[in-house]
Amino acid sequence: MVFSNNDEGLINKKLPKELLLRIFSFLDIVTLCRCAQISKAWNILALDGSNWQRIDLFNFQTDVEGRVVENISKRCGGFLRKLSLRGCIGVGDSSLKTFAQNCRNIEHLNLNGCTKITDSTCYSLSRFCSKLKHLDLTSCVSITNSSLKGISEGCRNLEYLNLSWCDQITKDGIEALVRGCRGLKALLLRGCTQLEDEALKHIQNYCHELVSLNLQSCSRVTDEGVVQICRGCHRLQALCLSGCSHLTDASLTALALNCPRLHHYLFLPCTSHPRILEAARCSHLTDAGFTLLARNCHDLEKMDLEECVLITDSTLIQLSVHCPKLQALSLSHCELITDDGILHLSNSTCGHEGLRVLELDNCLLITDVALEHLESCRGLERLELYDCQQVTRAGIKRMRAQLPHVKVHAYFAPVTPPTAVGGSGQRLCRCCVIL
């Protein structure tokens, strides 16, 4: 590192160090590092711990070694509140133990993809970081139930926990966690394939503040578990049940009767959640369940119903009447949806005012007529039409003329022109249209 010999620059003379330090507090990591090389005076200012309260190494350098984290913790100490080590696969337990010892005021820690860490890191966090509110352990595959027991004992202020793809977690770990962390507002359990209904019973018993829950690909979960969650977590606003293939309308009924605040599928530790339900690949759900849901959850903003293959235009009629705030709707692979359902949707309040995204991939009954109906959706921003075999380029072009701001994504299958008997047809290359 090379410093200037002149620390008596005009700005240093005119402004007090307190004001300079305040200016430096608005700079990002890269700029701070550059400023640190200007002069000895600026080096001291740039590397002052108060400037390093929020650090995101994912946007700076992901191939960091453990010693970098240790040096950061020694430099920042009690100033550090938020640290993201997302994707830093070289960071292990030893470095994070040093970090936990030095940065005891940490509130927000992202360890997504730090695959070297084990239960030892969670023990360290439990022992030293009692102020932790937000913890992301996505894809930390060595994490076990022991980690959750440690977190529950030492991190009782935790509000957001992401355990996605930590597939060693079982109901015992969830029980230990929720007994100690009763203020959890967001719990993400995507890909925790060992979880069963009993785990949801524990959540119901202790997590009455829960707002967001993600159970994507928790394939052992049944209606019984969802019913329990709904009965105990009345503040639930965001729920993902995608890939929970055993669910039936009983789950939708429970949601409709117990979770009127249900809006959306969004996982952020905040209090103003958009309203979303994600139920992709739940192939047993029917119009009857969605009718009851729509009539009771009027604040729904986003719904993912991909591969809910039993639903028909009846569901769209109910959403059109009862869910005026709907902004995004996925109906991909819902092969019973027709142009008439799209007509009801486009003529509704949500169609005229709120609808931004509509996904209709593999809706085989949708034709160019549906595109004409959608011309009244002036707020539409994106339309997915992959493998809608009755939709034509001409239909998309006409719609595009009326809604020039809409991005339309469509795939037209290869075509084999007719040839004489015995001839070989020439396959045209596939075409992805983005207008």
Protein backbone atom coordinates (compact mmCIF):
# COMPACT_ATOMS: atom_id res chain seq x y z
CA MET A 1 0.00 0.00 0.00
CA VAL A 2 1.45 3.37 -1.03
CA PHE A 3 0.48 6.55 0.80
CA SER A 4 0.88 10.17 -0.15
CA ASN A 5 3.53 12.07 1.83
CA ASN A 6 1.21 15.05 2.05
CA ASP A 7 -1.63 14.67 4.55
CA GLU A 8 -2.23 18.42 4.57
CA GLY A 9 -4.61 18.47 1.63
CA LEU A 10 -7.11 21.34 1.51
CA ILE A 11 -10.07 19.17 2.48
CA ASN A 12 -8.19 17.88 5.53
CA LYS A 13 -7.48 21.45 6.62
CA LYS A 14 -10.95 22.83 6.05
CA LEU A 15 -13.07 20.01 7.51
CA PRO A 16 -12.81 18.54 11.00
CA LYS A 17 -12.08 14.83 11.25
CA GLU A 18 -15.54 14.17 12.68
CA LEU A 19 -17.17 15.56 9.54
CA LEU A 20 -14.78 13.71 7.24
CA LEU A 21 -15.57 10.49 9.10
CA ARG A 22 -19.26 11.15 8.58
CA ILE A 23 -18.69 11.60 4.83
CA PHE A 24 -16.73 8.35 4.69
CA SER A 25 -19.63 6.54 6.34
CA PHE A 26 -21.66 6.83 3.11
CA LEU A 27 -19.03 5.05 0.94
CA ASP A 28 -19.15 1.41 -0.14
CA ILE A 29 -16.41 -1.11 0.58
CA VAL A 30 -14.58 -0.71 -2.73
CA THR A 31 -14.49 3.08 -2.44
CA LEU A 32 -13.35 2.91 1.18
CA CYS A 33 -10.47 0.65 0.20
CA ARG A 34 -9.45 3.06 -2.54
CA CYS A 35 -9.65 6.03 -0.20
CA ALA A 36 -7.48 4.17 2.30
CA GLN A 37 -4.62 4.31 -0.24
CA ILE A 38 -4.72 8.10 -0.73
CA SER A 39 -2.88 9.15 2.40
CA LYS A 40 -2.15 8.09 5.95
CA ALA A 41 -4.86 10.39 7.27
CA TRP A 42 -7.45 8.96 4.88
CA ASN A 43 -6.31 5.43 5.64
CA ILE A 44 -7.16 5.99 9.29
CA LEU A 45 -10.52 7.50 8.40
CA ALA A 46 -11.47 4.88 5.79
CA LEU A 47 -10.60 1.94 8.03
CA ASP A 48 -12.32 3.31 11.10
CA GLY A 49 -14.62 0.59 12.45
CA SER A 50 -17.66 2.88 12.40
CA ASN A 51 -17.52 2.87 8.58
CA TRP A 52 -17.75 -0.90 8.48
CA GLN A 53 -21.13 -1.53 10.07
CA ARG A 54 -22.49 -3.25 6.95
CA ILE A 55 -20.29 -5.44 4.79
CA ASP A 56 -21.28 -7.54 1.77
CA LEU A 57 -18.35 -9.53 0.44
CA PHE A 58 -20.50 -11.19 -2.23
CA ASN A 59 -20.49 -7.95 -4.21
CA PHE A 60 -16.81 -7.39 -3.50
CA GLN A 61 -14.91 -10.66 -3.52
CA THR A 62 -16.31 -14.14 -2.86
CA ASP A 63 -13.06 -16.12 -2.94
CA VAL A 64 -11.99 -14.77 0.43
CA GLU A 65 -10.00 -16.81 2.91
CA GLY A 66 -10.83 -17.19 6.55
CA ARG A 67 -8.13 -14.78 7.65
CA VAL A 68 -9.91 -11.96 5.81
CA VAL A 69 -13.01 -12.50 7.93
CA GLU A 70 -10.85 -12.58 11.05
CA ASN A 71 -9.15 -9.30 10.10
CA ILE A 72 -12.50 -7.67 9.38
CA SER A 73 -13.83 -8.76 12.76
CA LYS A 74 -10.79 -7.32 14.54
CA ARG A 75 -11.06 -4.06 12.63
CA CYS A 76 -14.82 -3.63 13.06
CA GLY A 77 -15.36 -5.16 16.48
CA GLY A 78 -18.60 -4.06 18.09
CA PHE A 79 -19.42 -1.67 15.22
CA LEU A 80 -20.37 -4.42 12.78
CA ARG A 81 -24.11 -5.00 12.51
CA LYS A 82 -24.52 -6.70 9.14
CA LEU A 83 -22.23 -9.11 7.27
CA SER A 84 -22.83 -11.12 4.12
CA LEU A 85 -20.43 -13.95 3.33
CA ARG A 86 -22.76 -15.42 0.71
CA GLY A 87 -20.83 -17.77 -1.54
CA CYS A 88 -17.59 -17.53 0.45
CA ILE A 89 -16.83 -21.24 0.34
CA GLY A 90 -13.33 -20.78 1.79
CA VAL A 91 -14.58 -19.56 5.17
CA GLY A 92 -14.80 -22.19 7.92
CA ASP A 93 -15.64 -22.67 11.58
CA SER A 94 -12.37 -21.35 13.01
CA SER A 95 -12.65 -17.97 11.30
CA LEU A 96 -16.29 -17.59 12.25
CA LYS A 97 -15.48 -18.37 15.87
CA THR A 98 -13.01 -15.46 15.88
CA PHE A 99 -15.63 -13.35 14.14
CA ALA A 100 -18.29 -14.18 16.73
CA GLN A 101 -15.94 -13.36 19.59
CA ASN A 102 -15.07 -9.95 18.15
CA CYS A 103 -18.42 -8.88 16.67
CA ARG A 104 -20.89 -9.45 19.44
CA ASN A 105 -23.32 -6.82 18.20
CA ILE A 106 -23.91 -8.55 14.87
CA GLU A 107 -27.62 -8.57 13.96
CA HIS A 108 -27.69 -9.75 10.35
CA LEU A 109 -25.45 -12.61 9.14
CA ASN A 110 -25.64 -14.28 5.73
CA LEU A 111 -23.72 -17.56 5.40
CA ASN A 112 -25.57 -18.77 2.30
CA GLY A 113 -23.38 -21.29 0.48
CA CYS A 114 -20.60 -21.35 3.09
CA THR A 115 -20.39 -25.11 2.75
CA LYS A 116 -17.41 -25.60 5.08
CA ILE A 117 -19.18 -24.52 8.21
CA THR A 118 -20.59 -27.07 10.67
CA ASP A 119 -22.47 -27.06 13.95
CA SER A 120 -19.37 -25.50 15.54
CA THR A 121 -20.17 -22.14 13.91
CA CYS A 122 -23.69 -22.15 15.33
CA TYR A 123 -22.28 -22.92 18.78
CA SER A 124 -20.03 -19.87 18.47
CA LEU A 125 -22.91 -17.65 17.37
CA SER A 126 -25.01 -18.94 20.24
CA ARG A 127 -22.30 -18.20 22.77
CA PHE A 128 -21.27 -14.72 21.64
CA CYS A 129 -23.94 -13.21 19.35
CA SER A 130 -27.10 -12.86 21.42
CA LYS A 131 -28.30 -9.85 19.38
CA LEU A 132 -28.56 -11.84 16.14
CA LYS A 133 -31.90 -11.26 14.39
CA HIS A 134 -31.34 -12.49 10.83
CA LEU A 135 -29.41 -15.68 9.99
CA ASP A 136 -29.13 -17.31 6.57
CA LEU A 137 -27.69 -20.86 6.51
CA THR A 138 -28.89 -21.82 3.03
CA SER A 139 -27.05 -24.86 1.62
CA CYS A 140 -24.89 -25.27 4.74
CA VAL A 141 -25.38 -28.99 4.37
CA SER A 142 -23.37 -30.02 7.45
CA ILE A 143 -25.78 -28.22 9.79
CA THR A 144 -27.70 -30.64 12.03
CA ASN A 145 -30.28 -30.49 14.80
CA SER A 146 -27.48 -29.66 17.24
CA SER A 147 -27.07 -26.27 15.56
CA LEU A 148 -30.72 -25.45 16.10
CA LYS A 149 -30.51 -26.40 19.75
CA GLY A 150 -27.52 -24.07 20.17
CA ILE A 151 -29.22 -21.21 18.33
CA SER A 152 -32.35 -21.56 20.46
CA GLU A 153 -30.31 -21.24 23.64
CA GLY A 154 -28.19 -18.25 22.71
CA CYS A 155 -29.96 -16.33 19.93
CA ARG A 156 -33.42 -15.78 21.34
CA ASN A 157 -33.90 -12.50 19.46
CA LEU A 158 -33.85 -14.30 16.12
CA GLU A 159 -36.61 -13.15 13.74
CA TYR A 160 -35.48 -14.59 10.39
CA LEU A 161 -33.89 -18.00 9.81
CA ASN A 162 -33.17 -19.61 6.46
CA LEU A 163 -32.39 -23.34 6.64
CA SER A 164 -33.09 -24.10 2.98
CA TRP A 165 -31.47 -27.32 1.72
CA CYS A 166 -30.10 -28.19 5.17
CA ASP A 167 -31.45 -31.68 4.67
CA GLN A 168 -30.21 -33.15 7.95
CA ILE A 169 -32.76 -31.11 9.90
CA THR A 170 -35.64 -33.09 11.44
CA LYS A 171 -38.63 -32.41 13.65
CA ASP A 172 -36.42 -32.66 16.75
CA GLY A 173 -34.28 -29.77 15.56
CA ILE A 174 -37.34 -27.66 14.75
CA GLU A 175 -38.79 -28.35 18.19
CA ALA A 176 -35.56 -27.26 19.89
CA LEU A 177 -35.39 -24.14 17.74
CA VAL A 178 -38.91 -22.84 18.26
CA ARG A 179 -38.90 -23.46 22.02
CA GLY A 180 -36.16 -20.83 22.35
CA CYS A 181 -36.84 -18.55 19.36
CA ARG A 182 -40.51 -17.76 19.82
CA GLY A 183 -40.25 -14.40 18.06
CA LEU A 184 -39.50 -15.91 14.65
CA LYS A 185 -41.29 -14.02 11.89
CA ALA A 186 -39.78 -15.75 8.84
CA LEU A 187 -38.73 -19.39 8.64
CA LEU A 188 -37.49 -20.86 5.35
CA LEU A 189 -37.29 -24.65 5.16
CA ARG A 190 -37.02 -25.30 1.43
CA GLY A 191 -35.62 -28.72 0.66
CA CYS A 192 -35.62 -29.92 4.28
CA THR A 193 -36.92 -33.24 3.04
CA GLN A 194 -36.99 -35.01 6.41
CA LEU A 195 -39.56 -32.66 7.90
CA GLU A 196 -43.01 -34.08 8.58
CA ASP A 197 -46.28 -32.78 9.99
CA GLU A 198 -45.01 -33.05 13.56
CA ALA A 199 -42.42 -30.35 12.83
CA LEU A 200 -45.24 -28.01 11.80
CA LYS A 201 -47.06 -28.83 15.02
CA HIS A 202 -44.07 -27.53 16.98
CA ILE A 203 -44.06 -24.33 14.90
CA GLN A 204 -47.76 -23.89 15.56
CA ASN A 205 -47.27 -24.26 19.31
CA TYR A 206 -44.52 -21.66 19.70
CA CYS A 207 -44.25 -19.32 16.70
CA HIS A 208 -47.37 -17.20 16.97
CA GLU A 209 -45.59 -14.19 15.41
CA LEU A 210 -44.74 -16.09 12.21
CA VAL A 211 -45.43 -14.09 9.04
CA SER A 212 -43.51 -16.03 6.34
CA LEU A 213 -43.10 -19.78 5.97
CA ASN A 214 -41.48 -21.63 3.08
CA LEU A 215 -42.02 -25.39 2.87
CA GLN A 216 -41.04 -25.85 -0.78
CA SER A 217 -40.21 -29.47 -1.61
CA CYS A 218 -40.98 -30.68 1.93
CA SER A 219 -42.66 -33.63 0.28
CA ARG A 220 -43.65 -35.40 3.52
CA VAL A 221 -45.91 -32.56 4.63
CA THR A 222 -49.64 -33.30 4.38
CA ASP A 223 -52.90 -31.45 4.97
CA GLU A 224 -52.66 -32.25 8.67
CA GLY A 225 -49.48 -30.22 9.04
CA VAL A 226 -50.81 -27.25 7.08
CA VAL A 227 -54.03 -27.25 9.13
CA GLN A 228 -51.96 -27.12 12.33
CA ILE A 229 -49.91 -24.19 11.04
CA CYS A 230 -53.02 -22.28 10.07
CA ARG A 231 -54.62 -22.79 13.47
CA GLY A 232 -51.61 -21.48 15.38
CA CYS A 233 -50.09 -18.87 13.05
CA HIS A 234 -52.92 -16.45 12.31
CA ARG A 235 -50.50 -13.70 11.25
CA LEU A 236 -49.23 -15.73 8.31
CA GLN A 237 -48.94 -13.58 5.20
CA ALA A 238 -46.51 -15.48 2.99
CA LEU A 239 -46.66 -19.21 2.40
CA CYS A 240 -44.87 -21.48 -0.06
CA LEU A 241 -46.18 -25.02 -0.44
CA SER A 242 -44.71 -25.76 -3.87
CA GLY A 243 -43.78 -29.38 -4.31
CA CYS A 244 -45.87 -30.54 -1.33
CA SER A 245 -47.60 -32.99 -3.60
CA HIS A 246 -49.85 -34.63 -0.99
CA LEU A 247 -51.86 -31.48 -0.26
CA THR A 248 -55.55 -31.24 -1.10
CA ASP A 249 -58.31 -28.65 -0.79
CA ALA A 250 -58.30 -29.27 2.96
CA SER A 251 -55.16 -27.14 3.16
CA LEU A 252 -56.75 -24.31 1.17
CA THR A 253 -59.80 -24.47 3.40
CA ALA A 254 -57.63 -24.15 6.50
CA LEU A 255 -55.84 -21.16 4.99
CA ALA A 256 -59.10 -19.50 4.03
CA LEU A 257 -60.67 -19.90 7.47
CA ASN A 258 -57.63 -19.10 9.60
CA CYS A 259 -55.24 -16.84 7.66
CA PRO A 260 -57.18 -13.88 6.25
CA ARG A 261 -53.94 -11.86 6.07
CA LEU A 262 -52.43 -14.24 3.54
CA HIS A 263 -51.02 -12.19 0.70
CA HIS A 264 -47.89 -13.32 -0.93
CA TYR A 265 -44.73 -15.42 -1.12
CA LEU A 266 -41.84 -13.20 -0.11
CA PHE A 267 -39.04 -13.89 2.31
CA LEU A 268 -37.79 -10.69 3.82
CA PRO A 269 -37.57 -9.92 7.54
CA CYS A 270 -39.94 -6.98 7.41
CA THR A 271 -43.44 -6.23 8.56
CA SER A 272 -44.90 -5.05 5.26
CA HIS A 273 -45.03 -8.31 3.31
CA PRO A 274 -46.70 -8.40 -0.05
CA ARG A 275 -49.47 -11.04 -0.06
CA ILE A 276 -48.56 -14.29 -1.80
CA LEU A 277 -49.41 -17.96 -2.01
CA GLU A 278 -47.18 -20.36 -3.87
CA ALA A 279 -48.73 -23.74 -4.50
CA ALA A 280 -46.95 -24.92 -7.64
CA ARG A 281 -47.02 -28.66 -8.37
CA CYS A 282 -49.84 -29.28 -5.88
CA SER A 283 -51.81 -31.29 -8.38
CA HIS A 284 -54.68 -32.30 -6.07
CA LEU A 285 -55.95 -28.76 -5.49
CA THR A 286 -59.26 -27.90 -7.19
CA ASP A 287 -61.58 -25.00 -7.95
CA ALA A 288 -63.51 -25.65 -4.74
CA GLY A 289 -60.46 -24.97 -2.57
CA PHE A 290 -59.39 -21.86 -4.45
CA THR A 291 -62.94 -20.53 -4.42
CA LEU A 292 -63.03 -20.61 -0.62
CA LEU A 293 -59.54 -19.13 -0.44
CA ALA A 294 -60.38 -16.24 -2.78
CA ARG A 295 -63.56 -15.42 -0.89
CA ASN A 296 -61.68 -15.11 2.41
CA CYS A 297 -58.24 -13.77 1.46
CA HIS A 298 -58.99 -10.59 -0.45
CA ASP A 299 -55.47 -9.15 -0.13
CA LEU A 300 -53.75 -11.78 -2.26
CA GLU A 301 -51.20 -10.10 -4.53
CA LYS A 302 -49.21 -12.97 -5.99
CA MET A 303 -50.18 -16.57 -6.66
CA ASP A 304 -48.20 -19.39 -8.23
CA LEU A 305 -50.59 -22.15 -9.32
CA GLU A 306 -48.27 -23.84 -11.81
CA GLU A 307 -49.24 -27.46 -12.47
CA CYS A 308 -52.43 -27.21 -10.42
CA VAL A 309 -53.86 -29.25 -13.26
CA LEU A 310 -57.42 -29.60 -11.92
CA ILE A 311 -58.31 -25.92 -11.81
CA THR A 312 -60.51 -24.39 -14.49
CA ASP A 313 -61.86 -20.98 -15.48
CA SER A 314 -63.96 -21.13 -12.31
CA THR A 315 -60.88 -20.31 -10.22
CA LEU A 316 -60.11 -17.30 -12.41
CA ILE A 317 -63.68 -16.05 -12.03
CA GLN A 318 -63.38 -16.20 -8.24
CA LEU A 319 -59.99 -14.47 -8.24
CA SER A 320 -61.39 -11.79 -10.55
CA VAL A 321 -64.31 -11.07 -8.23
CA HIS A 322 -62.66 -11.35 -4.82
CA CYS A 323 -58.93 -10.52 -5.25
CA PRO A 324 -58.69 -6.98 -6.66
CA LYS A 325 -55.06 -6.56 -5.54
CA LEU A 326 -53.69 -9.43 -7.62
CA GLN A 327 -50.45 -8.40 -9.34
CA ALA A 328 -48.80 -11.63 -10.47
CA LEU A 329 -50.41 -14.93 -11.40
CA SER A 330 -48.83 -18.12 -12.72
CA LEU A 331 -51.14 -20.60 -14.44
CA SER A 332 -48.48 -22.52 -16.35
CA HIS A 333 -49.46 -26.10 -17.20
CA CYS A 334 -53.05 -25.46 -16.05
CA GLU A 335 -54.35 -27.06 -19.21
CA LEU A 336 -58.06 -26.54 -18.49
CA ILE A 337 -57.81 -22.74 -18.54
CA THR A 338 -59.46 -21.18 -21.61
CA ASP A 339 -59.86 -17.80 -23.26
CA ASP A 340 -63.08 -17.29 -21.28
CA GLY A 341 -61.18 -17.41 -17.97
CA ILE A 342 -58.72 -14.82 -19.26
CA LEU A 343 -61.67 -12.65 -20.28
CA HIS A 344 -62.98 -12.60 -16.70
CA LEU A 345 -59.53 -11.85 -15.36
CA SER A 346 -58.86 -9.00 -17.80
CA ASN A 347 -62.27 -7.40 -17.17
CA SER A 348 -61.82 -7.38 -13.40
CA THR A 349 -60.47 -4.67 -11.12
CA CYS A 350 -57.13 -6.44 -10.82
CA GLY A 351 -56.95 -6.78 -14.61
CA HIS A 352 -57.58 -3.09 -15.20
CA GLU A 353 -55.43 -1.77 -12.36
CA GLY A 354 -53.01 -4.21 -10.75
CA LEU A 355 -52.03 -7.16 -12.93
CA ARG A 356 -48.35 -6.94 -13.86
CA VAL A 357 -47.25 -10.52 -14.58
CA LEU A 358 -49.21 -13.39 -16.12
CA GLU A 359 -47.69 -16.80 -16.89
CA LEU A 360 -49.63 -19.09 -19.22
CA ASP A 361 -46.95 -21.55 -20.36
CA ASN A 362 -48.41 -24.81 -21.70
CA CYS A 363 -52.00 -23.64 -21.41
CA LEU A 364 -53.03 -25.56 -24.49
CA LEU A 365 -56.53 -24.07 -24.84
CA ILE A 366 -55.35 -20.46 -24.87
CA THR A 367 -55.61 -18.78 -28.29
CA ASP A 368 -55.09 -15.36 -29.84
CA VAL A 369 -58.53 -14.42 -28.48
CA ALA A 370 -57.05 -14.40 -24.96
CA LEU A 371 -54.44 -11.91 -26.13
CA GLU A 372 -57.21 -9.63 -27.37
CA HIS A 373 -58.83 -9.80 -23.95
CA LEU A 374 -55.54 -8.90 -22.27
CA GLU A 375 -55.30 -5.66 -24.23
CA SER A 376 -57.44 -4.07 -21.50
CA CYS A 377 -54.77 -4.87 -18.88
CA ARG A 378 -52.94 -1.59 -19.28
CA GLY A 379 -50.52 -2.30 -16.41
CA LEU A 380 -49.33 -5.65 -17.74
CA GLU A 381 -45.54 -5.81 -17.89
CA ARG A 382 -44.70 -9.45 -18.66
CA LEU A 383 -46.59 -12.30 -20.35
CA GLU A 384 -45.31 -15.88 -20.60
CA LEU A 385 -46.71 -17.98 -23.46
CA TYR A 386 -44.20 -20.82 -23.92
CA ASP A 387 -45.76 -23.79 -25.75
CA CYS A 388 -49.20 -22.22 -26.08
CA GLN A 389 -49.74 -24.03 -29.34
CA GLN A 390 -52.80 -22.05 -30.45
CA VAL A 391 -51.15 -18.67 -29.99
CA THR A 392 -49.63 -17.24 -33.15
CA ARG A 393 -46.96 -14.69 -33.96
CA ALA A 394 -49.64 -12.57 -35.60
CA GLY A 395 -51.69 -12.56 -32.38
CA ILE A 396 -48.67 -11.48 -30.33
CA LYS A 397 -47.88 -8.76 -32.85
CA ARG A 398 -51.43 -7.36 -32.63
CA MET A 399 -51.30 -7.34 -28.84
CA ARG A 400 -47.88 -5.73 -28.90
CA ALA A 401 -49.27 -2.89 -31.00
CA GLN A 402 -51.80 -2.12 -28.22
CA LEU A 403 -49.42 -2.72 -25.29
CA PRO A 404 -45.95 -1.78 -26.57
CA HIS A 405 -44.38 -1.88 -23.10
CA VAL A 406 -45.26 -5.54 -22.43
CA LYS A 407 -42.50 -8.15 -22.66
CA VAL A 408 -43.95 -11.28 -24.26
CA HIS A 409 -42.00 -14.52 -23.99
CA ALA A 410 -43.19 -17.27 -26.34
CA TYR A 411 -41.74 -20.45 -27.76
CA PHE A 412 -42.89 -21.79 -31.09
CA ALA A 413 -42.21 -25.48 -31.60
CA PRO A 414 -40.15 -26.62 -34.59
CA VAL A 415 -42.23 -27.03 -37.72
CA THR A 416 -41.96 -29.83 -40.26
CA PRO A 417 -43.35 -28.62 -43.61
CA PRO A 418 -45.36 -31.12 -45.66
CA THR A 419 -43.30 -32.93 -48.26
CA ALA A 420 -43.88 -35.39 -51.01
CA VAL A 421 -44.25 -39.04 -50.09
CA GLY A 422 -40.85 -40.48 -49.43
CA GLY A 423 -39.30 -37.01 -49.02
CA SER A 424 -37.60 -35.74 -45.90
CA GLY A 425 -39.14 -32.75 -44.15
CA GLN A 426 -36.87 -29.89 -43.09
CA ARG A 427 -37.24 -29.00 -39.39
CA LEU A 428 -37.18 -25.27 -38.78
CA CYS A 429 -35.15 -24.13 -35.79
CA ARG A 430 -36.97 -23.27 -32.55
CA CYS A 431 -37.89 -19.65 -32.02
CA CYS A 432 -38.08 -17.79 -28.74
CA VAL A 433 -39.91 -14.50 -29.20
CA ILE A 434 -39.23 -11.68 -26.78
CA LEU A 435 -41.21 -8.62 -27.81
